[in-house]
Amino acid sequence: MPTDSLLTLKLPEGYSFADLKIRRCETDAIDLDMDLVKLICSINGLDFGKVCQNPGPVVTTILTVWYKKHLAEGGQPDALMEELKSPGRRSN
């Protein structure tokens, strides 16, 4: 992904990727712990209210950065994240 160099984010100490509690909703949307997203926004100087208006870019960055770190540190692959990484996989 050519934008990897732009994906820099401070992650909170004492939390793991699993703490995001990501899951797919019935509508194929992604749900995660928004209190943790709020903490990440605070650490990184982002306006949580504005992020909530258009969460896609920030949430995508959080998931991407944290998942890469999780794997690099020996964490187990996450089925939903692997599915999201696969382009066109959900197409019929």
N, C-alpha and C. Protein backbone atom coordinates (compact mmCIF):
# COMPACT_ATOMS: atom_id res chain seq x y z
N MET A 1 0.86 -1.18 0.00
CA MET A 1 0.00 0.00 0.00
C MET A 1 0.90 1.24 0.00
N PRO A 2 0.77 2.12 -0.97
CA PRO A 2 1.67 3.27 -1.07
C PRO A 2 1.50 4.29 0.04
N THR A 3 0.42 4.26 0.79
CA THR A 3 0.20 5.26 1.83
C THR A 3 0.76 4.84 3.18
N ASP A 4 1.45 3.70 3.26
CA ASP A 4 1.98 3.23 4.54
C ASP A 4 2.84 4.26 5.24
N SER A 5 3.58 5.06 4.48
CA SER A 5 4.44 6.06 5.11
C SER A 5 3.64 7.13 5.84
N LEU A 6 2.37 7.28 5.48
CA LEU A 6 1.52 8.27 6.13
C LEU A 6 0.85 7.71 7.38
N LEU A 7 0.92 6.41 7.57
CA LEU A 7 0.22 5.78 8.67
C LEU A 7 1.09 5.75 9.92
N THR A 8 1.14 6.87 10.62
CA THR A 8 1.84 6.94 11.89
C THR A 8 0.82 7.33 12.94
N LEU A 9 0.87 6.63 14.04
CA LEU A 9 -0.13 6.82 15.07
C LEU A 9 0.45 6.36 16.40
N LYS A 10 0.23 7.14 17.44
CA LYS A 10 0.62 6.72 18.79
C LYS A 10 -0.50 5.83 19.33
N LEU A 11 -0.11 4.68 19.84
CA LEU A 11 -1.08 3.74 20.42
C LEU A 11 -0.98 3.80 21.94
N PRO A 12 -2.08 3.56 22.63
CA PRO A 12 -2.07 3.65 24.10
C PRO A 12 -1.28 2.52 24.75
N GLU A 13 -0.55 2.87 25.78
CA GLU A 13 0.21 1.89 26.57
C GLU A 13 -0.76 1.01 27.36
N GLY A 14 -0.40 -0.24 27.50
CA GLY A 14 -1.19 -1.14 28.34
C GLY A 14 -2.40 -1.77 27.66
N TYR A 15 -2.57 -1.54 26.38
CA TYR A 15 -3.68 -2.12 25.64
C TYR A 15 -3.14 -3.02 24.54
N SER A 16 -3.95 -3.98 24.12
CA SER A 16 -3.57 -4.86 23.02
C SER A 16 -4.57 -4.67 21.87
N PHE A 17 -4.20 -5.20 20.71
CA PHE A 17 -5.08 -5.12 19.55
C PHE A 17 -6.46 -5.71 19.86
N ALA A 18 -6.49 -6.79 20.62
CA ALA A 18 -7.76 -7.44 20.97
C ALA A 18 -8.68 -6.51 21.75
N ASP A 19 -8.11 -5.54 22.45
CA ASP A 19 -8.93 -4.61 23.23
C ASP A 19 -9.83 -3.74 22.36
N LEU A 20 -9.53 -3.66 21.06
CA LEU A 20 -10.40 -2.92 20.15
C LEU A 20 -11.75 -3.62 19.97
N LYS A 21 -11.78 -4.92 20.21
CA LYS A 21 -13.01 -5.73 20.14
C LYS A 21 -13.72 -5.56 18.79
N ILE A 22 -12.94 -5.63 17.70
CA ILE A 22 -13.57 -5.45 16.39
C ILE A 22 -14.45 -6.64 16.05
N ARG A 23 -15.57 -6.32 15.41
CA ARG A 23 -16.49 -7.36 14.95
C ARG A 23 -17.28 -6.80 13.77
N ARG A 24 -17.80 -7.70 12.98
CA ARG A 24 -18.64 -7.31 11.86
C ARG A 24 -20.09 -7.30 12.34
N CYS A 25 -20.81 -6.24 12.02
CA CYS A 25 -22.22 -6.13 12.36
C CYS A 25 -23.07 -6.80 11.28
N GLU A 26 -24.35 -6.91 11.53
CA GLU A 26 -25.26 -7.52 10.56
C GLU A 26 -25.24 -6.80 9.22
N THR A 27 -25.00 -5.51 9.23
CA THR A 27 -25.00 -4.71 8.00
C THR A 27 -23.66 -4.71 7.30
N ASP A 28 -22.73 -5.59 7.72
CA ASP A 28 -21.37 -5.67 7.20
C ASP A 28 -20.52 -4.48 7.62
N ALA A 29 -21.04 -3.63 8.48
CA ALA A 29 -20.23 -2.55 9.04
C ALA A 29 -19.30 -3.15 10.09
N ILE A 30 -18.29 -2.39 10.47
CA ILE A 30 -17.34 -2.83 11.49
C ILE A 30 -17.65 -2.09 12.78
N ASP A 31 -17.70 -2.82 13.88
CA ASP A 31 -17.93 -2.23 15.19
C ASP A 31 -16.66 -2.45 16.01
N LEU A 32 -16.32 -1.46 16.82
CA LEU A 32 -15.17 -1.58 17.71
C LEU A 32 -15.37 -0.71 18.93
N ASP A 33 -14.50 -0.86 19.90
CA ASP A 33 -14.60 -0.13 21.16
C ASP A 33 -14.31 1.35 20.92
N MET A 34 -15.35 2.16 20.88
CA MET A 34 -15.18 3.58 20.59
C MET A 34 -14.56 4.35 21.76
N ASP A 35 -14.62 3.81 22.97
CA ASP A 35 -13.92 4.45 24.08
C ASP A 35 -12.41 4.38 23.85
N LEU A 36 -11.96 3.26 23.31
CA LEU A 36 -10.54 3.12 22.98
C LEU A 36 -10.16 4.01 21.80
N VAL A 37 -11.05 4.14 20.83
CA VAL A 37 -10.81 5.06 19.71
C VAL A 37 -10.71 6.50 20.24
N LYS A 38 -11.58 6.84 21.19
CA LYS A 38 -11.54 8.19 21.79
C LYS A 38 -10.20 8.42 22.48
N LEU A 39 -9.70 7.42 23.20
CA LEU A 39 -8.40 7.53 23.86
C LEU A 39 -7.29 7.72 22.83
N ILE A 40 -7.32 6.96 21.75
CA ILE A 40 -6.31 7.08 20.69
C ILE A 40 -6.37 8.47 20.07
N CYS A 41 -7.57 8.97 19.85
CA CYS A 41 -7.72 10.33 19.31
C CYS A 41 -7.08 11.35 20.26
N SER A 42 -7.35 11.19 21.54
CA SER A 42 -6.79 12.11 22.54
C SER A 42 -5.27 12.07 22.52
N ILE A 43 -4.69 10.89 22.50
CA ILE A 43 -3.23 10.73 22.49
C ILE A 43 -2.61 11.39 21.26
N ASN A 44 -3.33 11.35 20.15
CA ASN A 44 -2.80 11.84 18.88
C ASN A 44 -3.27 13.25 18.52
N GLY A 45 -3.97 13.92 19.45
CA GLY A 45 -4.42 15.29 19.20
C GLY A 45 -5.51 15.41 18.15
N LEU A 46 -6.33 14.36 18.02
CA LEU A 46 -7.42 14.39 17.05
C LEU A 46 -8.73 14.74 17.75
N ASP A 47 -9.57 15.48 17.08
CA ASP A 47 -10.87 15.86 17.61
C ASP A 47 -11.83 14.67 17.45
N PHE A 48 -12.17 14.02 18.56
CA PHE A 48 -13.01 12.83 18.52
C PHE A 48 -14.37 13.13 17.89
N GLY A 49 -14.93 14.31 18.17
CA GLY A 49 -16.22 14.68 17.58
C GLY A 49 -16.16 14.71 16.06
N LYS A 50 -15.09 15.26 15.53
CA LYS A 50 -14.92 15.29 14.07
C LYS A 50 -14.68 13.89 13.52
N VAL A 51 -13.92 13.11 14.25
CA VAL A 51 -13.68 11.73 13.82
C VAL A 51 -15.00 10.97 13.73
N CYS A 52 -15.88 11.18 14.70
CA CYS A 52 -17.17 10.48 14.70
C CYS A 52 -18.04 10.87 13.50
N GLN A 53 -17.86 12.09 12.98
CA GLN A 53 -18.62 12.52 11.82
C GLN A 53 -18.19 11.78 10.56
N ASN A 54 -16.92 11.39 10.49
CA ASN A 54 -16.40 10.65 9.34
C ASN A 54 -15.32 9.69 9.87
N PRO A 55 -15.74 8.60 10.51
CA PRO A 55 -14.77 7.73 11.19
C PRO A 55 -13.90 6.88 10.28
N GLY A 56 -14.31 6.67 9.05
CA GLY A 56 -13.61 5.75 8.16
C GLY A 56 -12.11 5.92 8.10
N PRO A 57 -11.59 7.10 7.75
CA PRO A 57 -10.14 7.26 7.61
C PRO A 57 -9.37 6.99 8.90
N VAL A 58 -9.85 7.52 10.02
CA VAL A 58 -9.13 7.34 11.28
C VAL A 58 -9.24 5.90 11.77
N VAL A 59 -10.42 5.32 11.69
CA VAL A 59 -10.59 3.94 12.13
C VAL A 59 -9.74 3.01 11.26
N THR A 60 -9.73 3.24 9.97
CA THR A 60 -8.90 2.44 9.08
C THR A 60 -7.42 2.54 9.46
N THR A 61 -6.97 3.74 9.77
CA THR A 61 -5.59 3.94 10.18
C THR A 61 -5.30 3.22 11.49
N ILE A 62 -6.19 3.35 12.46
CA ILE A 62 -6.01 2.67 13.75
C ILE A 62 -5.90 1.16 13.54
N LEU A 63 -6.84 0.60 12.79
CA LEU A 63 -6.83 -0.84 12.56
C LEU A 63 -5.57 -1.29 11.83
N THR A 64 -5.18 -0.54 10.80
CA THR A 64 -4.02 -0.91 10.00
C THR A 64 -2.73 -0.85 10.81
N VAL A 65 -2.51 0.28 11.47
CA VAL A 65 -1.28 0.47 12.24
C VAL A 65 -1.20 -0.54 13.39
N TRP A 66 -2.28 -0.66 14.14
CA TRP A 66 -2.24 -1.53 15.31
C TRP A 66 -2.14 -3.00 14.91
N TYR A 67 -2.83 -3.40 13.84
CA TYR A 67 -2.77 -4.79 13.42
C TYR A 67 -1.36 -5.15 12.92
N LYS A 68 -0.74 -4.24 12.17
CA LYS A 68 0.64 -4.49 11.72
C LYS A 68 1.58 -4.65 12.91
N LYS A 69 1.41 -3.80 13.91
CA LYS A 69 2.24 -3.89 15.12
C LYS A 69 1.96 -5.21 15.85
N HIS A 70 0.70 -5.55 15.95
CA HIS A 70 0.27 -6.79 16.61
C HIS A 70 0.96 -8.01 15.96
N LEU A 71 0.92 -8.08 14.64
CA LEU A 71 1.54 -9.20 13.92
C LEU A 71 3.06 -9.17 14.06
N ALA A 72 3.64 -7.97 13.97
CA ALA A 72 5.10 -7.83 14.07
C ALA A 72 5.62 -8.29 15.44
N GLU A 73 4.78 -8.16 16.46
CA GLU A 73 5.15 -8.56 17.81
C GLU A 73 4.80 -10.02 18.09
N GLY A 74 4.41 -10.77 17.04
CA GLY A 74 4.13 -12.19 17.20
C GLY A 74 2.69 -12.52 17.51
N GLY A 75 1.80 -11.55 17.40
CA GLY A 75 0.38 -11.81 17.65
C GLY A 75 -0.23 -12.71 16.59
N GLN A 76 -1.27 -13.39 16.97
CA GLN A 76 -1.97 -14.30 16.06
C GLN A 76 -2.81 -13.52 15.05
N PRO A 77 -2.90 -14.02 13.82
CA PRO A 77 -3.76 -13.36 12.82
C PRO A 77 -5.21 -13.30 13.31
N ASP A 78 -5.89 -12.24 12.96
CA ASP A 78 -7.29 -12.03 13.28
C ASP A 78 -8.10 -12.31 12.02
N ALA A 79 -9.09 -13.18 12.11
CA ALA A 79 -9.86 -13.60 10.94
C ALA A 79 -10.53 -12.41 10.24
N LEU A 80 -11.14 -11.50 10.99
CA LEU A 80 -11.81 -10.36 10.38
C LEU A 80 -10.81 -9.43 9.71
N MET A 81 -9.69 -9.17 10.35
CA MET A 81 -8.68 -8.30 9.75
C MET A 81 -8.11 -8.93 8.48
N GLU A 82 -7.89 -10.23 8.48
CA GLU A 82 -7.39 -10.90 7.29
C GLU A 82 -8.42 -10.81 6.16
N GLU A 83 -9.69 -10.92 6.50
CA GLU A 83 -10.76 -10.78 5.51
C GLU A 83 -10.77 -9.36 4.94
N LEU A 84 -10.61 -8.38 5.80
CA LEU A 84 -10.62 -6.99 5.35
C LEU A 84 -9.42 -6.67 4.47
N LYS A 85 -8.31 -7.33 4.71
CA LYS A 85 -7.09 -7.10 3.93
C LYS A 85 -7.21 -7.68 2.53
N SER A 86 -8.08 -8.66 2.34
CA SER A 86 -8.19 -9.35 1.05
C SER A 86 -9.12 -8.58 0.11
N PRO A 87 -8.57 -7.90 -0.89
CA PRO A 87 -9.43 -7.13 -1.80
C PRO A 87 -10.37 -8.04 -2.59
N GLY A 88 -11.62 -7.63 -2.62
CA GLY A 88 -12.61 -8.34 -3.42
C GLY A 88 -13.07 -9.67 -2.86
N ARG A 89 -12.61 -10.03 -1.69
CA ARG A 89 -12.96 -11.33 -1.13
C ARG A 89 -14.44 -11.49 -0.86
N ARG A 90 -15.12 -10.41 -0.48
CA ARG A 90 -16.55 -10.50 -0.15
C ARG A 90 -17.43 -10.37 -1.39
N SER A 91 -16.85 -10.18 -2.55
CA SER A 91 -17.64 -10.07 -3.78
C SER A 91 -18.18 -11.42 -4.18
N ASN A 92 -19.39 -11.44 -4.73
CA ASN A 92 -19.98 -12.70 -5.19
C ASN A 92 -19.90 -12.83 -6.67
